[in-house]
Amino acid sequence: MDPILGGVLTIAVMLLFTAIGVPVGISMAAVGFGGMIIFSGMPFAMGTLMTLPYSIGSQYAFIVVPMFILMGSLAAKAGITAELYTAAYRLFSAVRGSLYYATVLASAAFGAVSGSTVVASAVFTRMALPEMLRFGYRGSIAAGCIAAAGTFAALIPPSISMVIYGILTGESIGSLLMAGLLPGIVTAIAYGIGIWVMLRIRPEWAPQSVKRFTAPEILTSFRGLWPAMILVMIVLGGIYSGVMPPSAAGTIGAAGALAIGIFRRRLTTASFWDALRQSVSVTSVLFLIIIGGMLFTRLLLMMGFVDSLTELVTDAGIHPVVFIIAVTLIYLVLGCFVDTVSMMVMTVPFLYPIVISLDMNPIWFGVIVIKLIEISAITPPVGLNLYAVLGSAEKRVSAAQLFAGVLPFLIIEMVVLAILFLVPELSLWLPELMIG
């Protein structure tokens, strides 16, 4: 059978399993294992099943994932998110739609202590949505803003998505983490501009300033953020300077978040164990998806699909712009049916060789992929962040309202994606400085 035809059929079978309700990680593992039995026999398939999970899970880079997840969970339990939101709200209290801007700024700041978009969306939904509705904000736009702003954690380091991309491709995780910083800041600025434009057109979507705070009151609200700011500077500074690898930075970050919670007496024994359970649960799901994806990728490699696809694209002389447009369309379609991590594990292993063959920068491409992951996380009807918001909103907004409210932010995301494509220096400047 032609390798490309066989690969397409294999992917179709895996997507069929997913469509009927089988978890994506299990679907990829089952199809990968079953395909190995068909093409190479049971002994080879069993040998791969026994050795591959350990060889993947024992990689040093994998330490980063649970540490960054734990860091974000402990930061949320320690009350850092509430302080970020209070400070951001006071800073923008004099303008219309101050809670929108506060959500964007606080989510961007929280992205620097949490690599999980789902955690960020859930936390800010519980904290910000009731306040927005109480002051008369449009519920659909408020929920859409929270869901969209939660995606900042995917780009701003420490980013779990960047770590997974690095594991899948073998690229420097430190360089990838720093590559996401400026694009994350650009995204936050674009959100601020977009909200300003929306409120100029539709001022009824948010009330005029409810309360104005004085400069001393604003400065006072930032006083409690110093420990968290120092922690972020240590983690990011350590990675940027090369003093410590991302794995050590993640460990120090988690320990620092724990110390902040204990010192402020906000972290109880129950909340500590809850953060641990949450971290273990999320990490386990991620590992299942990654291991299943690796089994699936191993099958595609055995079939010759990856090499044949790379050769086909290279021989066809496809321009990098056309390739990026095709990747964007693939991610937008998959984002309607598959969760973000599964989508990345499913696609990056055979897109990466094409990127190399087209002489595209793999670090820059990683930023593009993560931006597409962000967009997929808020793309109806299966965007992961959308359901994190719905699950935490306690029926304050409906799915239809949220899907409508997130559309303006999807437009902003597409504009930022175009900027990152046209100005690759935004993604590559810090990694190049880091390498020296």
Protein backbone atom coordinates (compact mmCIF):
# COMPACT_ATOMS: atom_id res chain seq x y z
CA MET A 1 0.00 0.00 0.00
CA ASP A 2 1.17 3.53 -0.76
CA PRO A 3 2.66 4.99 2.47
CA ILE A 4 0.69 8.24 2.22
CA LEU A 5 -2.60 6.46 1.54
CA GLY A 6 -1.90 4.06 4.40
CA GLY A 7 -1.06 6.94 6.73
CA VAL A 8 -4.21 8.84 5.80
CA LEU A 9 -6.35 5.74 6.43
CA THR A 10 -4.61 5.18 9.77
CA ILE A 11 -5.27 8.77 10.84
CA ALA A 12 -8.89 8.41 9.69
CA VAL A 13 -9.36 5.30 11.87
CA MET A 14 -7.90 7.10 14.87
CA LEU A 15 -10.18 10.11 14.33
CA LEU A 16 -13.15 7.74 13.97
CA PHE A 17 -12.39 6.23 17.38
CA THR A 18 -12.19 9.74 18.81
CA ALA A 19 -15.48 10.73 17.19
CA ILE A 20 -17.35 7.84 18.85
CA GLY A 21 -16.16 8.93 22.28
CA VAL A 22 -12.89 7.06 22.88
CA PRO A 23 -10.38 9.36 24.67
CA VAL A 24 -7.78 10.66 22.23
CA GLY A 25 -4.79 9.25 24.11
CA ILE A 26 -6.32 5.78 24.16
CA SER A 27 -7.38 6.09 20.50
CA MET A 28 -3.83 6.91 19.40
CA ALA A 29 -2.33 4.16 21.57
CA ALA A 30 -4.84 1.54 20.38
CA VAL A 31 -4.42 2.36 16.68
CA GLY A 32 -0.64 2.54 17.04
CA PHE A 33 -0.43 -0.79 18.88
CA GLY A 34 -2.92 -2.50 16.55
CA GLY A 35 -1.12 -1.24 13.48
CA MET A 36 2.21 -2.52 14.76
CA ILE A 37 0.67 -5.97 15.23
CA ILE A 38 -0.57 -5.93 11.63
CA PHE A 39 2.66 -4.64 10.06
CA SER A 40 5.36 -6.11 12.32
CA GLY A 41 3.76 -8.84 14.43
CA MET A 42 2.82 -9.24 18.07
CA PRO A 43 6.39 -9.62 19.49
CA PHE A 44 7.49 -6.28 18.03
CA ALA A 45 4.29 -4.55 19.13
CA MET A 46 4.57 -5.90 22.69
CA GLY A 47 8.25 -4.96 22.87
CA THR A 48 7.45 -1.41 21.78
CA LEU A 49 4.55 -1.18 24.23
CA MET A 50 6.80 -2.26 27.10
CA THR A 51 9.79 -0.02 26.32
CA LEU A 52 8.41 3.14 24.69
CA PRO A 53 6.40 4.50 27.66
CA TYR A 54 9.41 4.17 29.97
CA SER A 55 11.87 5.66 27.48
CA ILE A 56 9.56 8.65 27.02
CA GLY A 57 8.52 9.11 30.64
CA SER A 58 12.09 8.86 31.93
CA GLN A 59 13.31 11.77 29.81
CA TYR A 60 14.77 14.52 31.97
CA ALA A 61 12.69 17.13 30.14
CA PHE A 62 9.47 15.55 31.44
CA ILE A 63 10.25 16.78 34.95
CA VAL A 64 9.33 20.27 33.77
CA VAL A 65 5.68 19.36 33.09
CA PRO A 66 4.49 18.36 36.60
CA MET A 67 6.59 21.09 38.23
CA PHE A 68 5.07 23.89 36.14
CA ILE A 69 1.57 22.48 36.69
CA LEU A 70 2.18 22.28 40.44
CA MET A 71 3.60 25.81 40.45
CA GLY A 72 0.40 27.17 38.89
CA SER A 73 -1.88 25.17 41.19
CA LEU A 74 -0.04 26.31 44.32
CA ALA A 75 -0.01 29.92 43.10
CA ALA A 76 -3.78 29.80 42.69
CA LYS A 77 -4.27 28.23 46.14
CA ALA A 78 -1.93 30.82 47.70
CA GLY A 79 -4.20 33.65 46.55
CA ILE A 80 -1.75 35.13 44.06
CA THR A 81 -4.44 35.29 41.36
CA ALA A 82 -6.79 37.31 43.57
CA GLU A 83 -4.05 39.84 44.31
CA LEU A 84 -3.15 40.09 40.62
CA TYR A 85 -6.77 40.74 39.72
CA THR A 86 -7.25 43.34 42.47
CA ALA A 87 -4.12 45.24 41.44
CA ALA A 88 -5.07 45.15 37.74
CA TYR A 89 -8.63 46.31 38.49
CA ARG A 90 -7.43 49.29 40.52
CA LEU A 91 -4.94 50.20 37.80
CA PHE A 92 -7.70 50.42 35.16
CA SER A 93 -10.49 51.59 37.47
CA ALA A 94 -10.82 55.00 35.75
CA VAL A 95 -11.75 53.63 32.30
CA ARG A 96 -14.88 52.05 30.86
CA GLY A 97 -14.68 48.26 30.91
CA SER A 98 -12.02 48.23 33.63
CA LEU A 99 -12.79 44.61 34.55
CA TYR A 100 -12.13 43.48 30.96
CA TYR A 101 -8.71 45.12 31.02
CA ALA A 102 -8.05 43.78 34.52
CA THR A 103 -8.83 40.25 33.36
CA VAL A 104 -6.45 40.55 30.41
CA LEU A 105 -3.58 42.01 32.47
CA ALA A 106 -4.05 39.64 35.42
CA SER A 107 -4.28 36.61 33.09
CA ALA A 108 -1.06 37.64 31.35
CA ALA A 109 0.68 38.03 34.71
CA PHE A 110 -0.74 34.73 35.97
CA GLY A 111 0.59 33.09 32.80
CA ALA A 112 4.07 33.79 34.17
CA VAL A 113 3.40 31.55 37.20
CA SER A 114 1.14 28.97 35.56
CA GLY A 115 1.69 27.01 32.38
CA SER A 116 -1.90 25.76 32.22
CA THR A 117 -4.55 27.59 30.20
CA VAL A 118 -7.34 25.53 31.76
CA VAL A 119 -6.28 26.43 35.31
CA ALA A 120 -6.11 30.13 34.37
CA SER A 121 -9.56 30.09 32.76
CA ALA A 122 -11.18 28.24 35.65
CA VAL A 123 -9.60 30.45 38.31
CA PHE A 124 -10.54 33.76 36.66
CA THR A 125 -14.05 32.56 35.86
CA ARG A 126 -14.75 31.93 39.54
CA MET A 127 -13.16 35.22 40.53
CA ALA A 128 -14.01 37.71 37.76
CA LEU A 129 -17.26 36.59 36.13
CA PRO A 130 -19.54 37.17 39.16
CA GLU A 131 -18.09 40.68 39.58
CA MET A 132 -18.54 41.52 35.91
CA LEU A 133 -22.16 40.39 35.93
CA ARG A 134 -22.83 42.23 39.19
CA PHE A 135 -21.66 45.52 37.66
CA GLY A 136 -23.70 45.07 34.48
CA TYR A 137 -21.13 43.77 32.00
CA ARG A 138 -22.42 41.84 28.98
CA GLY A 139 -22.29 38.20 30.13
CA SER A 140 -21.30 36.72 26.77
CA ILE A 141 -18.39 39.13 26.23
CA ALA A 142 -17.25 38.78 29.85
CA ALA A 143 -17.12 34.99 29.60
CA GLY A 144 -15.47 35.17 26.18
CA CYS A 145 -12.83 37.57 27.52
CA ILE A 146 -12.00 35.22 30.41
CA ALA A 147 -11.75 32.16 28.14
CA ALA A 148 -9.55 33.98 25.62
CA ALA A 149 -7.29 35.64 28.21
CA GLY A 150 -6.72 32.25 29.82
CA THR A 151 -4.82 31.17 26.71
CA PHE A 152 -1.93 33.51 27.58
CA ALA A 153 -0.47 30.72 29.72
CA ALA A 154 0.16 28.76 26.51
CA LEU A 155 2.68 31.35 25.25
CA ILE A 156 4.03 33.22 28.24
CA PRO A 157 6.69 31.15 30.04
CA PRO A 158 6.50 28.83 31.83
CA SER A 159 4.37 27.23 29.12
CA ILE A 160 3.48 23.55 29.31
CA SER A 161 2.57 23.58 25.61
CA MET A 162 6.05 24.84 24.72
CA VAL A 163 7.61 22.09 26.85
CA ILE A 164 5.56 19.44 25.05
CA TYR A 165 6.58 20.88 21.66
CA GLY A 166 10.21 20.70 22.79
CA ILE A 167 9.80 17.08 23.90
CA LEU A 168 8.18 16.12 20.59
CA THR A 169 10.81 17.84 18.43
CA GLY A 170 13.98 17.76 20.51
CA GLU A 171 14.35 21.55 20.30
CA SER A 172 15.77 23.50 23.25
CA ILE A 173 13.02 23.93 25.83
CA GLY A 174 14.75 26.99 27.27
CA SER A 175 14.81 28.70 23.86
CA LEU A 176 11.18 27.79 23.22
CA LEU A 177 10.06 29.18 26.57
CA MET A 178 11.79 32.50 25.96
CA ALA A 179 10.49 32.62 22.37
CA GLY A 180 6.93 32.84 23.69
CA LEU A 181 7.46 35.84 25.97
CA LEU A 182 7.28 38.74 23.50
CA PRO A 183 4.45 37.16 21.44
CA GLY A 184 2.52 36.72 24.70
CA ILE A 185 2.98 40.39 25.56
CA VAL A 186 1.98 41.41 22.02
CA THR A 187 -1.18 39.30 22.37
CA ALA A 188 -2.09 40.99 25.66
CA ILE A 189 -1.59 44.44 24.10
CA ALA A 190 -3.70 43.42 21.10
CA TYR A 191 -6.48 42.31 23.45
CA GLY A 192 -6.38 45.68 25.18
CA ILE A 193 -6.63 47.53 21.87
CA GLY A 194 -9.38 45.20 20.69
CA ILE A 195 -11.43 45.74 23.85
CA TRP A 196 -11.05 49.52 23.49
CA VAL A 197 -12.32 49.33 19.89
CA MET A 198 -15.23 47.07 20.87
CA LEU A 199 -16.33 49.42 23.63
CA ARG A 200 -16.11 52.42 21.32
CA ILE A 201 -18.50 50.66 18.96
CA ARG A 202 -20.71 48.99 21.59
CA PRO A 203 -20.38 50.98 24.86
CA GLU A 204 -23.34 49.11 26.36
CA TRP A 205 -21.14 46.02 26.70
CA ALA A 206 -19.52 47.53 29.80
CA PRO A 207 -20.43 50.25 32.30
CA GLN A 208 -18.49 53.43 32.86
CA SER A 209 -16.03 53.35 35.76
CA VAL A 210 -17.81 52.29 38.96
CA LYS A 211 -15.12 53.42 41.37
CA ARG A 212 -11.85 55.29 40.93
CA PHE A 213 -8.84 54.54 43.09
CA THR A 214 -6.15 56.99 44.08
CA ALA A 215 -2.48 56.49 43.25
CA PRO A 216 -1.61 55.43 46.85
CA GLU A 217 -4.43 52.85 46.78
CA ILE A 218 -3.16 51.47 43.48
CA LEU A 219 0.41 51.23 44.77
CA THR A 220 -0.80 49.54 47.95
CA SER A 221 -2.50 46.80 45.92
CA PHE A 222 0.81 46.00 44.20
CA ARG A 223 2.66 45.65 47.51
CA GLY A 224 1.48 42.09 48.06
CA LEU A 225 2.70 40.99 44.63
CA TRP A 226 6.41 41.38 45.34
CA PRO A 227 7.00 37.75 46.39
CA ALA A 228 5.30 36.46 43.23
CA MET A 229 7.21 38.96 41.06
CA ILE A 230 10.51 37.92 42.60
CA LEU A 231 9.60 34.26 42.02
CA VAL A 232 8.84 34.92 38.34
CA MET A 233 12.09 36.87 37.93
CA ILE A 234 14.08 34.00 39.45
CA VAL A 235 12.41 31.38 37.24
CA LEU A 236 12.55 33.32 33.96
CA GLY A 237 15.91 34.89 34.76
CA GLY A 238 17.40 31.50 35.54
CA ILE A 239 16.18 30.05 32.24
CA TYR A 240 17.24 33.09 30.20
CA SER A 241 20.71 33.34 31.73
CA GLY A 242 21.33 29.62 31.50
CA VAL A 243 22.06 29.44 35.23
CA MET A 244 19.49 26.67 35.62
CA PRO A 245 17.71 24.40 33.15
CA PRO A 246 13.91 24.59 32.83
CA SER A 247 13.49 21.49 35.00
CA ALA A 248 15.34 23.13 37.90
CA ALA A 249 13.49 26.40 37.30
CA GLY A 250 10.17 24.56 37.49
CA THR A 251 11.15 22.87 40.74
CA ILE A 252 12.27 26.16 42.29
CA GLY A 253 9.07 27.81 41.05
CA ALA A 254 6.87 25.15 42.68
CA ALA A 255 8.86 25.36 45.92
CA GLY A 256 8.64 29.16 45.85
CA ALA A 257 4.87 29.11 45.34
CA LEU A 258 4.58 26.68 48.25
CA ALA A 259 6.73 28.94 50.44
CA ILE A 260 4.61 32.01 49.57
CA GLY A 261 1.43 30.15 50.47
CA ILE A 262 2.83 28.96 53.80
CA PHE A 263 4.37 32.32 54.71
CA ARG A 264 1.07 34.11 54.10
CA ARG A 265 -0.89 31.39 55.90
CA ARG A 266 -3.19 30.99 52.94
CA LEU A 267 -2.22 27.44 52.06
CA THR A 268 -3.93 24.93 54.31
CA THR A 269 -3.16 21.23 54.44
CA ALA A 270 -6.38 20.52 52.54
CA SER A 271 -5.64 23.05 49.79
CA PHE A 272 -2.06 21.75 49.49
CA TRP A 273 -3.26 18.19 48.93
CA ASP A 274 -5.90 19.48 46.53
CA ALA A 275 -3.18 21.22 44.49
CA LEU A 276 -1.14 18.01 44.47
CA ARG A 277 -4.13 15.93 43.36
CA GLN A 278 -4.93 18.42 40.62
CA SER A 279 -1.33 18.40 39.41
CA VAL A 280 -1.12 14.60 39.39
CA SER A 281 -4.43 14.34 37.54
CA VAL A 282 -3.47 16.83 34.81
CA THR A 283 0.04 15.36 34.46
CA SER A 284 -1.34 11.82 34.14
CA VAL A 285 -3.72 12.84 31.37
CA LEU A 286 -0.92 14.66 29.53
CA PHE A 287 1.42 11.67 29.82
CA LEU A 288 -1.27 9.31 28.51
CA ILE A 289 -1.83 11.56 25.50
CA ILE A 290 1.91 11.94 24.82
CA ILE A 291 2.67 8.22 25.15
CA GLY A 292 -0.34 7.33 22.98
CA GLY A 293 0.79 9.91 20.44
CA MET A 294 4.30 8.48 20.38
CA LEU A 295 2.96 4.97 19.72
CA PHE A 296 0.84 6.38 16.92
CA THR A 297 3.79 8.32 15.48
CA ARG A 298 6.01 5.22 15.66
CA LEU A 299 3.46 3.39 13.49
CA LEU A 300 3.37 6.23 10.94
CA LEU A 301 7.18 6.18 10.80
CA MET A 302 7.19 2.40 10.28
CA MET A 303 4.72 2.79 7.41
CA GLY A 304 6.95 5.40 5.76
CA PHE A 305 4.20 8.03 5.97
CA VAL A 306 6.33 10.78 7.53
CA ASP A 307 9.24 10.39 5.09
CA SER A 308 6.93 10.13 2.08
CA LEU A 309 4.92 13.18 3.12
CA THR A 310 8.08 15.23 3.68
CA GLU A 311 9.45 14.16 0.29
CA LEU A 312 6.14 14.97 -1.41
CA VAL A 313 5.97 18.48 0.05
CA THR A 314 9.64 19.18 -0.72
CA ASP A 315 9.47 17.91 -4.31
CA ALA A 316 6.28 19.88 -4.96
CA GLY A 317 8.14 23.10 -4.18
CA ILE A 318 5.46 24.30 -1.80
CA HIS A 319 6.18 27.82 -0.54
CA PRO A 320 6.47 28.21 3.26
CA VAL A 321 3.56 30.69 3.22
CA VAL A 322 1.31 28.08 1.59
CA PHE A 323 2.49 25.49 4.12
CA ILE A 324 1.67 27.76 7.08
CA ILE A 325 -1.77 28.52 5.63
CA ALA A 326 -2.40 24.79 5.25
CA VAL A 327 -1.26 24.12 8.83
CA THR A 328 -3.53 26.91 10.07
CA LEU A 329 -6.54 25.39 8.31
CA ILE A 330 -5.71 21.92 9.66
CA TYR A 331 -5.50 23.22 13.22
CA LEU A 332 -8.69 25.24 12.92
CA VAL A 333 -10.59 22.16 11.71
CA LEU A 334 -9.04 19.80 14.27
CA GLY A 335 -9.64 22.36 17.02
CA CYS A 336 -13.37 21.90 16.57
CA PHE A 337 -13.12 18.21 17.50
CA VAL A 338 -9.85 17.46 19.34
CA ASP A 339 -8.36 18.97 22.50
CA THR A 340 -5.27 21.12 22.15
CA VAL A 341 -2.58 18.84 23.58
CA SER A 342 -3.82 15.83 21.61
CA MET A 343 -3.84 17.92 18.45
CA MET A 344 -0.23 18.94 18.96
CA VAL A 345 0.93 15.39 19.78
CA MET A 346 -1.00 14.14 16.76
CA THR A 347 0.44 16.60 14.23
CA VAL A 348 3.84 17.97 15.28
CA PRO A 349 5.84 14.73 14.76
CA PHE A 350 5.11 14.69 11.01
CA LEU A 351 4.94 18.48 10.50
CA TYR A 352 8.36 19.06 12.09
CA PRO A 353 10.38 17.19 9.39
CA ILE A 354 8.59 19.25 6.73
CA VAL A 355 9.51 22.45 8.58
CA ILE A 356 13.17 21.41 8.57
CA SER A 357 13.06 20.44 4.88
CA LEU A 358 11.61 23.87 4.00
CA ASP A 359 14.43 25.61 5.94
CA MET A 360 11.97 27.23 8.34
CA ASN A 361 13.11 28.11 11.86
CA PRO A 362 11.72 25.38 14.18
CA ILE A 363 11.65 27.72 17.20
CA TRP A 364 9.56 30.26 15.29
CA PHE A 365 7.33 27.47 14.01
CA GLY A 366 6.85 26.35 17.60
CA VAL A 367 5.48 29.79 18.47
CA ILE A 368 3.13 29.62 15.46
CA VAL A 369 1.93 26.17 16.56
CA ILE A 370 1.30 27.36 20.12
CA LYS A 371 -0.59 30.39 18.81
CA LEU A 372 -2.75 28.01 16.76
CA ILE A 373 -3.19 25.92 19.90
CA GLU A 374 -4.40 29.09 21.68
CA ILE A 375 -6.92 29.70 18.92
CA SER A 376 -8.08 26.09 19.04
CA ALA A 377 -8.58 26.31 22.80
CA ILE A 378 -11.29 28.93 22.28
CA THR A 379 -12.76 27.61 19.03
CA PRO A 380 -16.35 26.35 19.42
CA PRO A 381 -17.64 23.79 19.96
CA VAL A 382 -14.81 21.81 21.59
CA GLY A 383 -12.33 24.47 22.73
CA LEU A 384 -10.88 23.30 26.04
CA ASN A 385 -10.92 26.75 27.64
CA LEU A 386 -14.57 27.21 26.75
CA TYR A 387 -15.54 24.20 28.83
CA ALA A 388 -13.24 25.27 31.67
CA VAL A 389 -15.23 28.53 31.78
CA LEU A 390 -18.61 26.80 31.48
CA GLY A 391 -17.69 24.33 34.21
CA SER A 392 -16.69 27.13 36.59
CA ALA A 393 -19.44 29.63 35.68
CA GLU A 394 -22.14 27.75 37.64
CA LYS A 395 -24.73 28.35 34.88
CA ARG A 396 -24.24 32.13 34.90
CA VAL A 397 -23.75 31.98 31.12
CA SER A 398 -24.90 29.44 28.55
CA ALA A 399 -22.75 27.67 25.98
CA ALA A 400 -24.44 29.66 23.20
CA GLN A 401 -23.63 32.95 24.95
CA LEU A 402 -20.00 31.95 25.48
CA PHE A 403 -19.56 30.78 21.88
CA ALA A 404 -20.89 34.13 20.65
CA GLY A 405 -18.86 36.16 23.14
CA VAL A 406 -15.53 34.58 22.22
CA LEU A 407 -15.80 35.40 18.49
CA PRO A 408 -14.36 38.96 18.75
CA PHE A 409 -11.34 37.55 20.56
CA LEU A 410 -10.86 34.88 17.89
CA ILE A 411 -10.58 37.72 15.36
CA ILE A 412 -7.93 39.41 17.54
CA GLU A 413 -6.03 36.11 17.77
CA MET A 414 -5.99 35.76 13.98
CA VAL A 415 -4.59 39.30 13.65
CA VAL A 416 -1.82 38.48 16.14
CA LEU A 417 -1.09 35.24 14.27
CA ALA A 418 -0.57 37.27 11.09
CA ILE A 419 1.78 39.65 12.95
CA LEU A 420 3.86 36.75 14.30
CA PHE A 421 4.08 35.29 10.81
CA LEU A 422 5.14 38.59 9.21
CA VAL A 423 7.55 39.58 12.02
CA PRO A 424 9.41 36.41 13.10
CA GLU A 425 11.90 38.56 15.05
CA LEU A 426 9.26 38.88 17.80
CA SER A 427 9.70 35.17 18.45
CA LEU A 428 13.42 34.82 17.77
CA TRP A 429 14.99 37.90 19.36
CA LEU A 430 15.11 36.63 22.96
CA PRO A 431 16.27 33.08 22.08
CA GLU A 432 19.05 34.53 19.93
CA LEU A 433 20.14 36.81 22.78
CA MET A 434 19.96 33.84 25.14
CA ILE A 435 22.21 31.73 22.92
CA GLY A 436 24.54 34.69 22.49
